[in-house]
PDB file of all heavy atoms in Angstrom:
ATOM      1  N   TYR A   1       0.309  45.719-142.392  1.00  0.00           N
ATOM      2  CA  TYR A   1      -0.703  45.152-143.206  1.00  0.00           C
ATOM      3  C   TYR A   1      -2.012  45.335-142.584  1.00  0.00           C
ATOM      4  O   TYR A   1      -2.219  45.477-141.406  1.00  0.00           O
ATOM      5  CB  TYR A   1      -0.520  43.644-143.268  1.00  0.00           C
ATOM      6  CG  TYR A   1       0.766  43.145-143.832  1.00  0.00           C
ATOM      7  CD1 TYR A   1       1.788  42.732-142.994  1.00  0.00           C
ATOM      8  CD2 TYR A   1       0.936  43.135-145.293  1.00  0.00           C
ATOM      9  CE1 TYR A   1       3.070  42.300-143.768  1.00  0.00           C
ATOM     10  CE2 TYR A   1       2.076  42.703-145.825  1.00  0.00           C
ATOM     11  CZ  TYR A   1       3.125  42.260-145.057  1.00  0.00           C
ATOM     12  OH  TYR A   1       4.303  41.891-145.703  1.00  0.00           O
ATOM     13  N   SER A   2      -2.917  45.735-143.408  1.00  0.00           N
ATOM     14  CA  SER A   2      -4.270  45.948-143.070  1.00  0.00           C
ATOM     15  C   SER A   2      -5.105  45.079-143.960  1.00  0.00           C
ATOM     16  O   SER A   2      -5.013  44.998-145.159  1.00  0.00           O
ATOM     17  CB  SER A   2      -4.657  47.309-143.079  1.00  0.00           C
ATOM     18  OG  SER A   2      -4.692  47.839-144.376  1.00  0.00           O
ATOM     19  N   TYR A   3      -6.144  44.408-143.305  1.00  0.00           N
ATOM     20  CA  TYR A   3      -7.179  43.612-144.048  1.00  0.00           C
ATOM     21  C   TYR A   3      -8.514  44.175-143.855  1.00  0.00           C
ATOM     22  O   TYR A   3      -8.856  44.587-142.812  1.00  0.00           O
ATOM     23  CB  TYR A   3      -7.080  42.177-143.439  1.00  0.00           C
ATOM     24  CG  TYR A   3      -5.580  41.559-143.703  1.00  0.00           C
ATOM     25  CD1 TYR A   3      -4.767  41.398-142.617  1.00  0.00           C
ATOM     26  CD2 TYR A   3      -5.382  41.075-144.914  1.00  0.00           C
ATOM     27  CE1 TYR A   3      -3.576  40.901-142.723  1.00  0.00           C
ATOM     28  CE2 TYR A   3      -4.078  40.309-145.064  1.00  0.00           C
ATOM     29  CZ  TYR A   3      -3.230  40.397-144.045  1.00  0.00           C
ATOM     30  OH  TYR A   3      -2.016  39.718-144.186  1.00  0.00           O
ATOM     31  N   THR A   4      -9.181  44.059-144.850  1.00  0.00           N
ATOM     32  CA  THR A   4     -10.610  44.436-144.804  1.00  0.00           C
ATOM     33  C   THR A   4     -11.379  43.157-145.299  1.00  0.00           C
ATOM     34  O   THR A   4     -11.012  42.572-146.178  1.00  0.00           O
ATOM     35  CB  THR A   4     -11.076  45.635-145.638  1.00  0.00           C
ATOM     36  OG1 THR A   4     -10.596  45.358-146.951  1.00  0.00           O
ATOM     37  CG2 THR A   4     -10.323  46.895-145.110  1.00  0.00           C
ATOM     38  N   THR A   5     -12.434  42.943-144.566  1.00  0.00           N
ATOM     39  CA  THR A   5     -13.257  41.755-144.921  1.00  0.00           C
ATOM     40  C   THR A   5     -14.694  42.233-145.154  1.00  0.00           C
ATOM     41  O   THR A   5     -15.205  43.177-144.577  1.00  0.00           O
ATOM     42  CB  THR A   5     -13.300  40.721-143.821  1.00  0.00           C
ATOM     43  OG1 THR A   5     -13.796  41.311-142.747  1.00  0.00           O
ATOM     44  CG2 THR A   5     -11.919  40.130-143.639  1.00  0.00           C
ATOM     45  N   THR A   6     -15.300  41.643-146.129  1.00  0.00           N
ATOM     46  CA  THR A   6     -16.570  41.890-146.447  1.00  0.00           C
ATOM     47  C   THR A   6     -17.516  40.661-146.374  1.00  0.00           C
ATOM     48  O   THR A   6     -17.137  39.545-146.623  1.00  0.00           O
ATOM     49  CB  THR A   6     -16.849  42.519-147.855  1.00  0.00           C
ATOM     50  OG1 THR A   6     -16.348  41.540-148.897  1.00  0.00           O
ATOM     51  CG2 THR A   6     -16.067  43.835-148.066  1.00  0.00           C
ATOM     52  N   THR A   7     -18.698  40.829-145.837  1.00  0.00           N
ATOM     53  CA  THR A   7     -19.511  39.766-145.780  1.00  0.00           C
ATOM     54  C   THR A   7     -20.684  39.862-146.551  1.00  0.00           C
ATOM     55  O   THR A   7     -21.178  41.052-146.833  1.00  0.00           O
ATOM     56  CB  THR A   7     -20.035  39.465-144.264  1.00  0.00           C
ATOM     57  OG1 THR A   7     -20.651  40.701-143.801  1.00  0.00           O
ATOM     58  CG2 THR A   7     -18.780  39.154-143.413  1.00  0.00           C
ATOM     59  N   VAL A   8     -21.219  38.933-147.094  1.00  0.00           N
ATOM     60  CA  VAL A   8     -22.483  38.945-147.955  1.00  0.00           C
ATOM     61  C   VAL A   8     -23.699  38.798-146.916  1.00  0.00           C
ATOM     62  O   VAL A   8     -23.843  37.931-146.213  1.00  0.00           O
ATOM     63  CB  VAL A   8     -22.521  37.846-149.034  1.00  0.00           C
ATOM     64  CG1 VAL A   8     -23.818  37.926-149.738  1.00  0.00           C
ATOM     65  CG2 VAL A   8     -21.271  37.952-149.833  1.00  0.00           C
ATOM     66  N   SER A   9     -24.556  39.759-147.048  1.00  0.00           N
ATOM     67  CA  SER A   9     -25.688  39.757-146.175  1.00  0.00           C
ATOM     68  C   SER A   9     -26.702  38.670-146.634  1.00  0.00           C
ATOM     69  O   SER A   9     -26.619  38.201-147.727  1.00  0.00           O
ATOM     70  CB  SER A   9     -26.393  41.131-146.154  1.00  0.00           C
ATOM     71  OG  SER A   9     -26.795  41.501-147.349  1.00  0.00           O
ATOM     72  N   GLU A  10     -27.702  38.468-145.774  1.00  0.00           N
ATOM     73  CA  GLU A  10     -28.700  37.265-146.100  1.00  0.00           C
ATOM     74  C   GLU A  10     -29.510  37.728-147.219  1.00  0.00           C
ATOM     75  O   GLU A  10     -29.760  36.796-148.064  1.00  0.00           O
ATOM     76  CB  GLU A  10     -29.393  36.927-144.877  1.00  0.00           C
ATOM     77  CG  GLU A  10     -28.707  36.178-143.868  1.00  0.00           C
ATOM     78  CD  GLU A  10     -29.425  35.834-142.660  1.00  0.00           C
ATOM     79  OE1 GLU A  10     -30.840  35.783-142.797  1.00  0.00           O
ATOM     80  OE2 GLU A  10     -28.950  35.494-141.556  1.00  0.00           O
ATOM     81  N   PRO A  11     -29.912  38.919-147.399  1.00  0.00           N
ATOM     82  CA  PRO A  11     -30.748  39.421-148.482  1.00  0.00           C
ATOM     83  C   PRO A  11     -30.042  39.277-149.781  1.00  0.00           C
ATOM     84  O   PRO A  11     -30.478  38.963-150.855  1.00  0.00           O
ATOM     85  CB  PRO A  11     -31.240  40.860-148.265  1.00  0.00           C
ATOM     86  CG  PRO A  11     -31.152  40.911-146.688  1.00  0.00           C
ATOM     87  CD  PRO A  11     -29.993  40.039-146.309  1.00  0.00           C
ATOM     88  N   ASP A  12     -28.618  39.722-149.728  1.00  0.00           N
ATOM     89  CA  ASP A  12     -27.835  39.553-150.961  1.00  0.00           C
ATOM     90  C   ASP A  12     -27.700  38.037-151.306  1.00  0.00           C
ATOM     91  O   ASP A  12     -27.776  37.704-152.505  1.00  0.00           O
ATOM     92  CB  ASP A  12     -26.485  40.148-150.750  1.00  0.00           C
ATOM     93  CG  ASP A  12     -26.615  41.783-150.643  1.00  0.00           C
ATOM     94  OD1 ASP A  12     -27.638  42.284-151.081  1.00  0.00           O
ATOM     95  OD2 ASP A  12     -25.647  42.339-150.075  1.00  0.00           O
ATOM     96  N   MET A  13     -27.464  37.272-150.366  1.00  0.00           N
ATOM     97  CA  MET A  13     -27.275  35.816-150.725  1.00  0.00           C
ATOM     98  C   MET A  13     -28.561  35.185-151.271  1.00  0.00           C
ATOM     99  O   MET A  13     -28.523  34.381-152.133  1.00  0.00           O
ATOM    100  CB  MET A  13     -26.850  35.043-149.448  1.00  0.00           C
ATOM    101  CG  MET A  13     -26.609  33.708-149.598  1.00  0.00           C
ATOM    102  SD  MET A  13     -25.276  33.314-150.935  1.00  0.00           S
ATOM    103  CE  MET A  13     -23.866  33.626-150.048  1.00  0.00           C
ATOM    104  N   ALA A  14     -29.721  35.640-150.705  1.00  0.00           N
ATOM    105  CA  ALA A  14     -31.015  35.109-151.179  1.00  0.00           C
ATOM    106  C   ALA A  14     -31.201  35.609-152.645  1.00  0.00           C
ATOM    107  O   ALA A  14     -31.822  34.817-153.429  1.00  0.00           O
ATOM    108  CB  ALA A  14     -32.118  35.669-150.344  1.00  0.00           C
ATOM    109  N   ALA A  15     -30.682  36.715-153.033  1.00  0.00           N
ATOM    110  CA  ALA A  15     -30.796  37.194-154.441  1.00  0.00           C
ATOM    111  C   ALA A  15     -29.718  36.454-155.368  1.00  0.00           C
ATOM    112  O   ALA A  15     -30.056  36.204-156.500  1.00  0.00           O
ATOM    113  CB  ALA A  15     -30.550  38.684-154.442  1.00  0.00           C
ATOM    114  N   ILE A  16     -28.643  36.102-154.715  1.00  0.00           N
ATOM    115  CA  ILE A  16     -27.604  35.532-155.657  1.00  0.00           C
ATOM    116  C   ILE A  16     -27.803  34.028-155.811  1.00  0.00           C
ATOM    117  O   ILE A  16     -27.609  33.458-156.926  1.00  0.00           O
ATOM    118  CB  ILE A  16     -26.294  35.809-154.904  1.00  0.00           C
ATOM    119  CG1 ILE A  16     -25.842  37.253-155.035  1.00  0.00           C
ATOM    120  CG2 ILE A  16     -25.107  34.944-155.677  1.00  0.00           C
ATOM    121  CD1 ILE A  16     -24.611  37.487-154.142  1.00  0.00           C
ATOM    122  N   LEU A  17     -28.264  33.304-154.901  1.00  0.00           N
ATOM    123  CA  LEU A  17     -28.334  31.855-154.900  1.00  0.00           C
ATOM    124  C   LEU A  17     -29.249  31.278-155.946  1.00  0.00           C
ATOM    125  O   LEU A  17     -28.818  30.320-156.692  1.00  0.00           O
ATOM    126  CB  LEU A  17     -28.869  31.394-153.470  1.00  0.00           C
ATOM    127  CG  LEU A  17     -28.618  29.949-153.211  1.00  0.00           C
ATOM    128  CD1 LEU A  17     -27.262  29.398-153.326  1.00  0.00           C
ATOM    129  CD2 LEU A  17     -29.188  29.500-151.773  1.00  0.00           C
ATOM    130  N   PRO A  18     -30.418  31.896-156.201  1.00  0.00           N
ATOM    131  CA  PRO A  18     -31.220  31.250-157.346  1.00  0.00           C
ATOM    132  C   PRO A  18     -30.425  31.374-158.680  1.00  0.00           C
ATOM    133  O   PRO A  18     -30.480  30.372-159.489  1.00  0.00           O
ATOM    134  CB  PRO A  18     -32.545  32.094-157.239  1.00  0.00           C
ATOM    135  CG  PRO A  18     -32.585  32.564-155.923  1.00  0.00           C
ATOM    136  CD  PRO A  18     -31.182  32.778-155.454  1.00  0.00           C
ATOM    137  N   GLY A  19     -29.774  32.449-158.879  1.00  0.00           N
ATOM    138  CA  GLY A  19     -28.984  32.642-160.134  1.00  0.00           C
ATOM    139  C   GLY A  19     -27.887  31.545-160.191  1.00  0.00           C
ATOM    140  O   GLY A  19     -27.667  31.055-161.396  1.00  0.00           O
ATOM    141  N   LEU A  20     -27.134  31.373-159.041  1.00  0.00           N
ATOM    142  CA  LEU A  20     -26.083  30.371-159.114  1.00  0.00           C
ATOM    143  C   LEU A  20     -26.727  28.986-159.350  1.00  0.00           C
ATOM    144  O   LEU A  20     -26.098  28.184-160.128  1.00  0.00           O
ATOM    145  CB  LEU A  20     -25.414  30.441-157.754  1.00  0.00           C
ATOM    146  CG  LEU A  20     -24.509  31.639-157.490  1.00  0.00           C
ATOM    147  CD1 LEU A  20     -23.991  31.560-156.055  1.00  0.00           C
ATOM    148  CD2 LEU A  20     -23.444  31.708-158.489  1.00  0.00           C
ATOM    149  N   LEU A  21     -27.901  28.586-158.778  1.00  0.00           N
ATOM    150  CA  LEU A  21     -28.360  27.240-158.918  1.00  0.00           C
ATOM    151  C   LEU A  21     -28.920  27.213-160.464  1.00  0.00           C
ATOM    152  O   LEU A  21     -28.680  26.185-161.038  1.00  0.00           O
ATOM    153  CB  LEU A  21     -29.517  26.951-157.989  1.00  0.00           C
ATOM    154  CG  LEU A  21     -29.178  26.944-156.514  1.00  0.00           C
ATOM    155  CD1 LEU A  21     -30.405  26.872-155.603  1.00  0.00           C
ATOM    156  CD2 LEU A  21     -28.326  25.712-156.420  1.00  0.00           C
ATOM    157  N   ILE A  22     -29.606  28.112-160.961  1.00  0.00           N
ATOM    158  CA  ILE A  22     -30.100  28.101-162.344  1.00  0.00           C
ATOM    159  C   ILE A  22     -28.947  27.903-163.398  1.00  0.00           C
ATOM    160  O   ILE A  22     -28.926  27.224-164.237  1.00  0.00           O
ATOM    161  CB  ILE A  22     -31.124  29.197-162.567  1.00  0.00           C
ATOM    162  CG1 ILE A  22     -32.425  29.001-161.830  1.00  0.00           C
ATOM    163  CG2 ILE A  22     -31.409  29.235-164.135  1.00  0.00           C
ATOM    164  CD1 ILE A  22     -33.237  30.165-161.809  1.00  0.00           C
ATOM    165  N   GLY A  23     -27.920  28.837-163.013  1.00  0.00           N
ATOM    166  CA  GLY A  23     -26.758  28.867-163.951  1.00  0.00           C
ATOM    167  C   GLY A  23     -26.053  27.474-163.945  1.00  0.00           C
ATOM    168  O   GLY A  23     -25.595  26.967-164.937  1.00  0.00           O
ATOM    169  N   GLY A  24     -25.954  26.866-162.865  1.00  0.00           N
ATOM    170  CA  GLY A  24     -25.307  25.549-162.647  1.00  0.00           C
ATOM    171  C   GLY A  24     -26.116  24.546-163.399  1.00  0.00           C
ATOM    172  O   GLY A  24     -25.627  23.625-164.042  1.00  0.00           O
ATOM    173  N   LEU A  25     -27.404  24.501-163.248  1.00  0.00           N
ATOM    174  CA  LEU A  25     -28.157  23.581-163.997  1.00  0.00           C
ATOM    175  C   LEU A  25     -28.129  23.654-165.441  1.00  0.00           C
ATOM    176  O   LEU A  25     -28.092  22.658-166.229  1.00  0.00           O
ATOM    177  CB  LEU A  25     -29.719  23.610-163.460  1.00  0.00           C
ATOM    178  CG  LEU A  25     -29.799  23.087-162.075  1.00  0.00           C
ATOM    179  CD1 LEU A  25     -31.337  23.404-161.634  1.00  0.00           C
ATOM    180  CD2 LEU A  25     -29.628  21.641-161.995  1.00  0.00           C
ATOM    181  N   ILE A  26     -28.126  24.980-165.913  1.00  0.00           N
ATOM    182  CA  ILE A  26     -28.034  25.257-167.330  1.00  0.00           C
ATOM    183  C   ILE A  26     -26.622  24.714-167.874  1.00  0.00           C
ATOM    184  O   ILE A  26     -26.444  24.097-168.851  1.00  0.00           O
ATOM    185  CB  ILE A  26     -28.211  26.707-167.794  1.00  0.00           C
ATOM    186  CG1 ILE A  26     -29.720  27.105-167.487  1.00  0.00           C
ATOM    187  CG2 ILE A  26     -27.817  26.997-169.050  1.00  0.00           C
ATOM    188  CD1 ILE A  26     -30.022  28.546-167.617  1.00  0.00           C
ATOM    189  N   GLY A  27     -25.556  24.918-167.121  1.00  0.00           N
ATOM    190  CA  GLY A  27     -24.240  24.437-167.394  1.00  0.00           C
ATOM    191  C   GLY A  27     -24.146  23.003-167.426  1.00  0.00           C
ATOM    192  O   GLY A  27     -23.526  22.446-168.425  1.00  0.00           O
ATOM    193  N   LEU A  28     -24.737  22.362-166.535  1.00  0.00           N
ATOM    194  CA  LEU A  28     -24.818  20.904-166.508  1.00  0.00           C
ATOM    195  C   LEU A  28     -25.531  20.281-167.673  1.00  0.00           C
ATOM    196  O   LEU A  28     -25.093  19.379-168.444  1.00  0.00           O
ATOM    197  CB  LEU A  28     -25.454  20.296-165.202  1.00  0.00           C
ATOM    198  CG  LEU A  28     -25.616  18.830-164.983  1.00  0.00           C
ATOM    199  CD1 LEU A  28     -24.203  18.260-164.954  1.00  0.00           C
ATOM    200  CD2 LEU A  28     -26.428  18.548-163.860  1.00  0.00           C
ATOM    201  N   ALA A  29     -26.670  20.837-168.059  1.00  0.00           N
ATOM    202  CA  ALA A  29     -27.534  20.418-169.312  1.00  0.00           C
ATOM    203  C   ALA A  29     -26.657  20.722-170.561  1.00  0.00           C
ATOM    204  O   ALA A  29     -26.615  19.867-171.399  1.00  0.00           O
ATOM    205  CB  ALA A  29     -28.848  21.179-169.247  1.00  0.00           C
ATOM    206  N   PHE A  30     -26.157  21.873-170.562  1.00  0.00           N
ATOM    207  CA  PHE A  30     -25.071  22.107-171.822  1.00  0.00           C
ATOM    208  C   PHE A  30     -24.082  21.117-171.889  1.00  0.00           C
ATOM    209  O   PHE A  30     -23.758  20.585-172.962  1.00  0.00           O
ATOM    210  CB  PHE A  30     -24.699  23.597-171.701  1.00  0.00           C
ATOM    211  CG  PHE A  30     -23.884  23.949-172.865  1.00  0.00           C
ATOM    212  CD1 PHE A  30     -24.477  24.318-174.143  1.00  0.00           C
ATOM    213  CD2 PHE A  30     -22.580  24.186-172.805  1.00  0.00           C
ATOM    214  CE1 PHE A  30     -23.778  24.643-175.266  1.00  0.00           C
ATOM    215  CE2 PHE A  30     -21.796  24.507-173.954  1.00  0.00           C
ATOM    216  CZ  PHE A  30     -22.398  24.830-175.117  1.00  0.00           C
ATOM    217  N   GLY A  31     -23.355  20.804-170.760  1.00  0.00           N
ATOM    218  CA  GLY A  31     -22.227  19.954-170.773  1.00  0.00           C
ATOM    219  C   GLY A  31     -22.808  18.494-171.251  1.00  0.00           C
ATOM    220  O   GLY A  31     -22.091  17.830-171.993  1.00  0.00           O
ATOM    221  N   LEU A  32     -23.953  18.094-170.667  1.00  0.00           N
ATOM    222  CA  LEU A  32     -24.332  16.700-171.065  1.00  0.00           C
ATOM    223  C   LEU A  32     -24.759  16.651-172.630  1.00  0.00           C
ATOM    224  O   LEU A  32     -24.555  15.755-173.199  1.00  0.00           O
ATOM    225  CB  LEU A  32     -25.744  16.443-170.281  1.00  0.00           C
ATOM    226  CG  LEU A  32     -25.402  16.085-168.793  1.00  0.00           C
ATOM    227  CD1 LEU A  32     -26.802  15.894-168.096  1.00  0.00           C
ATOM    228  CD2 LEU A  32     -24.641  14.691-168.681  1.00  0.00           C
ATOM    229  N   VAL A  33     -25.355  17.758-173.083  1.00  0.00           N
ATOM    230  CA  VAL A  33     -25.690  17.674-174.564  1.00  0.00           C
ATOM    231  C   VAL A  33     -24.401  17.669-175.359  1.00  0.00           C
ATOM    232  O   VAL A  33     -24.372  17.038-176.298  1.00  0.00           O
ATOM    233  CB  VAL A  33     -26.546  18.998-174.895  1.00  0.00           C
ATOM    234  CG1 VAL A  33     -26.741  19.248-176.429  1.00  0.00           C
ATOM    235  CG2 VAL A  33     -27.942  18.909-174.334  1.00  0.00           C
ATOM    236  N   ILE A  34     -23.419  18.525-174.957  1.00  0.00           N
ATOM    237  CA  ILE A  34     -22.120  18.514-175.703  1.00  0.00           C
ATOM    238  C   ILE A  34     -21.477  17.138-175.687  1.00  0.00           C
ATOM    239  O   ILE A  34     -21.071  16.651-176.702  1.00  0.00           O
ATOM    240  CB  ILE A  34     -21.140  19.570-175.123  1.00  0.00           C
ATOM    241  CG1 ILE A  34     -21.754  20.948-175.510  1.00  0.00           C
ATOM    242  CG2 ILE A  34     -19.779  19.456-175.849  1.00  0.00           C
ATOM    243  CD1 ILE A  34     -21.982  21.282-176.913  1.00  0.00           C
ATOM    244  N   ASN A  35     -21.427  16.525-174.472  1.00  0.00           N
ATOM    245  CA  ASN A  35     -20.879  15.099-174.319  1.00  0.00           C
ATOM    246  C   ASN A  35     -21.680  14.072-175.155  1.00  0.00           C
ATOM    247  O   ASN A  35     -20.995  13.337-175.870  1.00  0.00           O
ATOM    248  CB  ASN A  35     -20.990  14.766-172.820  1.00  0.00           C
ATOM    249  CG  ASN A  35     -20.176  13.414-172.704  1.00  0.00           C
ATOM    250  OD1 ASN A  35     -19.153  13.308-173.189  1.00  0.00           O
ATOM    251  ND2 ASN A  35     -20.873  12.620-171.877  1.00  0.00           N
ATOM    252  N   TYR A  36     -22.965  14.158-175.245  1.00  0.00           N
ATOM    253  CA  TYR A  36     -23.770  13.368-176.022  1.00  0.00           C
ATOM    254  C   TYR A  36     -23.414  13.443-177.515  1.00  0.00           C
ATOM    255  O   TYR A  36     -23.279  12.484-178.245  1.00  0.00           O
ATOM    256  CB  TYR A  36     -25.272  13.565-175.825  1.00  0.00           C
ATOM    257  CG  TYR A  36     -26.125  12.677-176.865  1.00  0.00           C
ATOM    258  CD1 TYR A  36     -26.284  11.402-176.753  1.00  0.00           C
ATOM    259  CD2 TYR A  36     -26.771  13.412-177.851  1.00  0.00           C
ATOM    260  CE1 TYR A  36     -27.076  10.566-177.666  1.00  0.00           C
ATOM    261  CE2 TYR A  36     -27.483  12.713-178.714  1.00  0.00           C
ATOM    262  CZ  TYR A  36     -27.637  11.358-178.595  1.00  0.00           C
ATOM    263  OH  TYR A  36     -28.343  10.561-179.523  1.00  0.00           O
ATOM    264  N   VAL A  37     -23.385  14.650-177.982  1.00  0.00           N
ATOM    265  CA  VAL A  37     -23.144  15.061-179.455  1.00  0.00           C
ATOM    266  C   VAL A  37     -21.759  14.494-179.783  1.00  0.00           C
ATOM    267  O   VAL A  37     -21.607  14.028-180.885  1.00  0.00           O
ATOM    268  CB  VAL A  37     -23.286  16.481-179.809  1.00  0.00           C
ATOM    269  CG1 VAL A  37     -22.706  16.921-181.051  1.00  0.00           C
ATOM    270  CG2 VAL A  37     -24.699  16.992-179.637  1.00  0.00           C
ATOM    271  N   LEU A  38     -20.702  14.526-178.943  1.00  0.00           N
ATOM    272  CA  LEU A  38     -19.388  14.208-179.219  1.00  0.00           C
ATOM    273  C   LEU A  38     -19.296  12.631-179.195  1.00  0.00           C
ATOM    274  O   LEU A  38     -18.357  12.114-179.926  1.00  0.00           O
ATOM    275  CB  LEU A  38     -18.377  14.839-178.267  1.00  0.00           C
ATOM    276  CG  LEU A  38     -18.209  16.405-178.469  1.00  0.00           C
ATOM    277  CD1 LEU A  38     -17.344  16.877-177.259  1.00  0.00           C
ATOM    278  CD2 LEU A  38     -17.628  16.772-179.850  1.00  0.00           C
ATOM    279  N   THR A  39     -19.992  11.952-178.317  1.00  0.00           N
ATOM    280  CA  THR A  39     -19.836  10.590-178.211  1.00  0.00           C
ATOM    281  C   THR A  39     -20.712   9.525-178.625  1.00  0.00           C
ATOM    282  O   THR A  39     -20.352   8.359-178.831  1.00  0.00           O
ATOM    283  CB  THR A  39     -19.557  10.333-176.653  1.00  0.00           C
ATOM    284  OG1 THR A  39     -20.808  10.648-175.949  1.00  0.00           O
ATOM    285  CG2 THR A  39     -18.444  10.949-175.986  1.00  0.00           C
ATOM    286  N   HIS A  40     -21.901  10.034-179.038  1.00  0.00           N
ATOM    287  CA  HIS A  40     -22.878   9.012-179.471  1.00  0.00           C
ATOM    288  C   HIS A  40     -22.548   8.136-180.679  1.00  0.00           C
ATOM    289  O   HIS A  40     -22.921   7.006-180.855  1.00  0.00           O
ATOM    290  CB  HIS A  40     -24.284   9.585-179.676  1.00  0.00           C
ATOM    291  CG  HIS A  40     -24.460  10.382-181.036  1.00  0.00           C
ATOM    292  ND1 HIS A  40     -23.964  11.501-181.268  1.00  0.00           N
ATOM    293  CD2 HIS A  40     -25.020   9.952-182.215  1.00  0.00           C
ATOM    294  CE1 HIS A  40     -24.320  11.996-182.521  1.00  0.00           C
ATOM    295  NE2 HIS A  40     -24.918  10.911-183.079  1.00  0.00           N
ATOM    296  N   LYS A  41     -21.663   8.714-181.666  1.00  0.00           N
ATOM    297  CA  LYS A  41     -21.360   7.956-182.867  1.00  0.00           C
ATOM    298  C   LYS A  41     -20.482   6.745-182.382  1.00  0.00           C
ATOM    299  O   LYS A  41     -20.520   5.650-183.243  1.00  0.00           O
ATOM    300  CB  LYS A  41     -20.466   8.804-183.816  1.00  0.00           C
ATOM    301  CG  LYS A  41     -21.273   9.803-184.542  1.00  0.00           C
ATOM    302  CD  LYS A  41     -22.074   9.018-185.635  1.00  0.00           C
ATOM    303  CE  LYS A  41     -22.668   9.973-186.471  1.00  0.00           C
ATOM    304  NZ  LYS A  41     -23.497   9.291-187.581  1.00  0.00           N
ATOM    305  N   VAL A  42     -19.738   6.816-181.343  1.00  0.00           N
ATOM    306  CA  VAL A  42     -18.893   5.648-180.857  1.00  0.00           C
ATOM    307  C   VAL A  42     -19.858   4.448-180.567  1.00  0.00           C
ATOM    308  O   VAL A  42     -19.549   3.360-181.045  1.00  0.00           O
ATOM    309  CB  VAL A  42     -18.027   5.983-179.763  1.00  0.00           C
ATOM    310  CG1 VAL A  42     -17.397   4.800-179.165  1.00  0.00           C
ATOM    311  CG2 VAL A  42     -16.980   6.960-180.200  1.00  0.00           C
ATOM    312  N   TYR A  43     -20.875   4.740-179.794  1.00  0.00           N
ATOM    313  CA  TYR A  43     -21.899   3.710-179.517  1.00  0.00           C
ATOM    314  C   TYR A  43     -22.476   3.132-180.784  1.00  0.00           C
ATOM    315  O   TYR A  43     -22.812   1.931-180.883  1.00  0.00           O
ATOM    316  CB  TYR A  43     -22.938   4.320-178.549  1.00  0.00           C
ATOM    317  CG  TYR A  43     -22.361   4.775-177.244  1.00  0.00           C
ATOM    318  CD1 TYR A  43     -21.767   5.967-177.075  1.00  0.00           C
ATOM    319  CD2 TYR A  43     -22.296   3.809-176.224  1.00  0.00           C
ATOM    320  CE1 TYR A  43     -21.173   6.396-175.800  1.00  0.00           C
ATOM    321  CE2 TYR A  43     -21.798   4.086-174.927  1.00  0.00           C
ATOM    322  CZ  TYR A  43     -21.244   5.331-174.860  1.00  0.00           C
ATOM    323  OH  TYR A  43     -20.593   5.714-173.621  1.00  0.00           O
ATOM    324  N   GLU A  44     -22.871   3.933-181.749  1.00  0.00           N
ATOM    325  CA  GLU A  44     -23.471   3.442-182.987  1.00  0.00           C
ATOM    326  C   GLU A  44     -22.449   2.661-183.825  1.00  0.00           C
ATOM    327  O   GLU A  44     -22.946   1.621-184.212  1.00  0.00           O
ATOM    328  CB  GLU A  44     -24.045   4.700-183.752  1.00  0.00           C
ATOM    329  CG  GLU A  44     -25.074   5.298-183.152  1.00  0.00           C
ATOM    330  CD  GLU A  44     -25.597   6.647-183.908  1.00  0.00           C
ATOM    331  OE1 GLU A  44     -24.983   7.067-184.817  1.00  0.00           O
ATOM    332  OE2 GLU A  44     -26.685   7.205-183.588  1.00  0.00           O
ATOM    333  N   LYS A  45     -21.331   3.027-183.805  1.00  0.00           N
ATOM    334  CA  LYS A  45     -20.405   2.325-184.547  1.00  0.00           C
ATOM    335  C   LYS A  45     -20.128   0.900-183.900  1.00  0.00           C
ATOM    336  O   LYS A  45     -19.870  -0.164-184.548  1.00  0.00           O
ATOM    337  CB  LYS A  45     -18.908   2.885-184.656  1.00  0.00           C
ATOM    338  CG  LYS A  45     -18.958   3.984-185.664  1.00  0.00           C
ATOM    339  CD  LYS A  45     -17.396   4.529-185.879  1.00  0.00           C
ATOM    340  CE  LYS A  45     -17.335   5.556-186.859  1.00  0.00           C
ATOM    341  NZ  LYS A  45     -15.970   6.073-187.041  1.00  0.00           N
TER     342      LYS A  45
END
């Protein structure tokens, strides 16, 4: 067996991290909006 490992360099991580954070926040906001649209009628009833 032979294994090769790769590491992400600091400049690469600095380039990836903002995209991950922004994508996560957009996903969270999208999930909250979908949850609201699906459930708000129960509260009104």
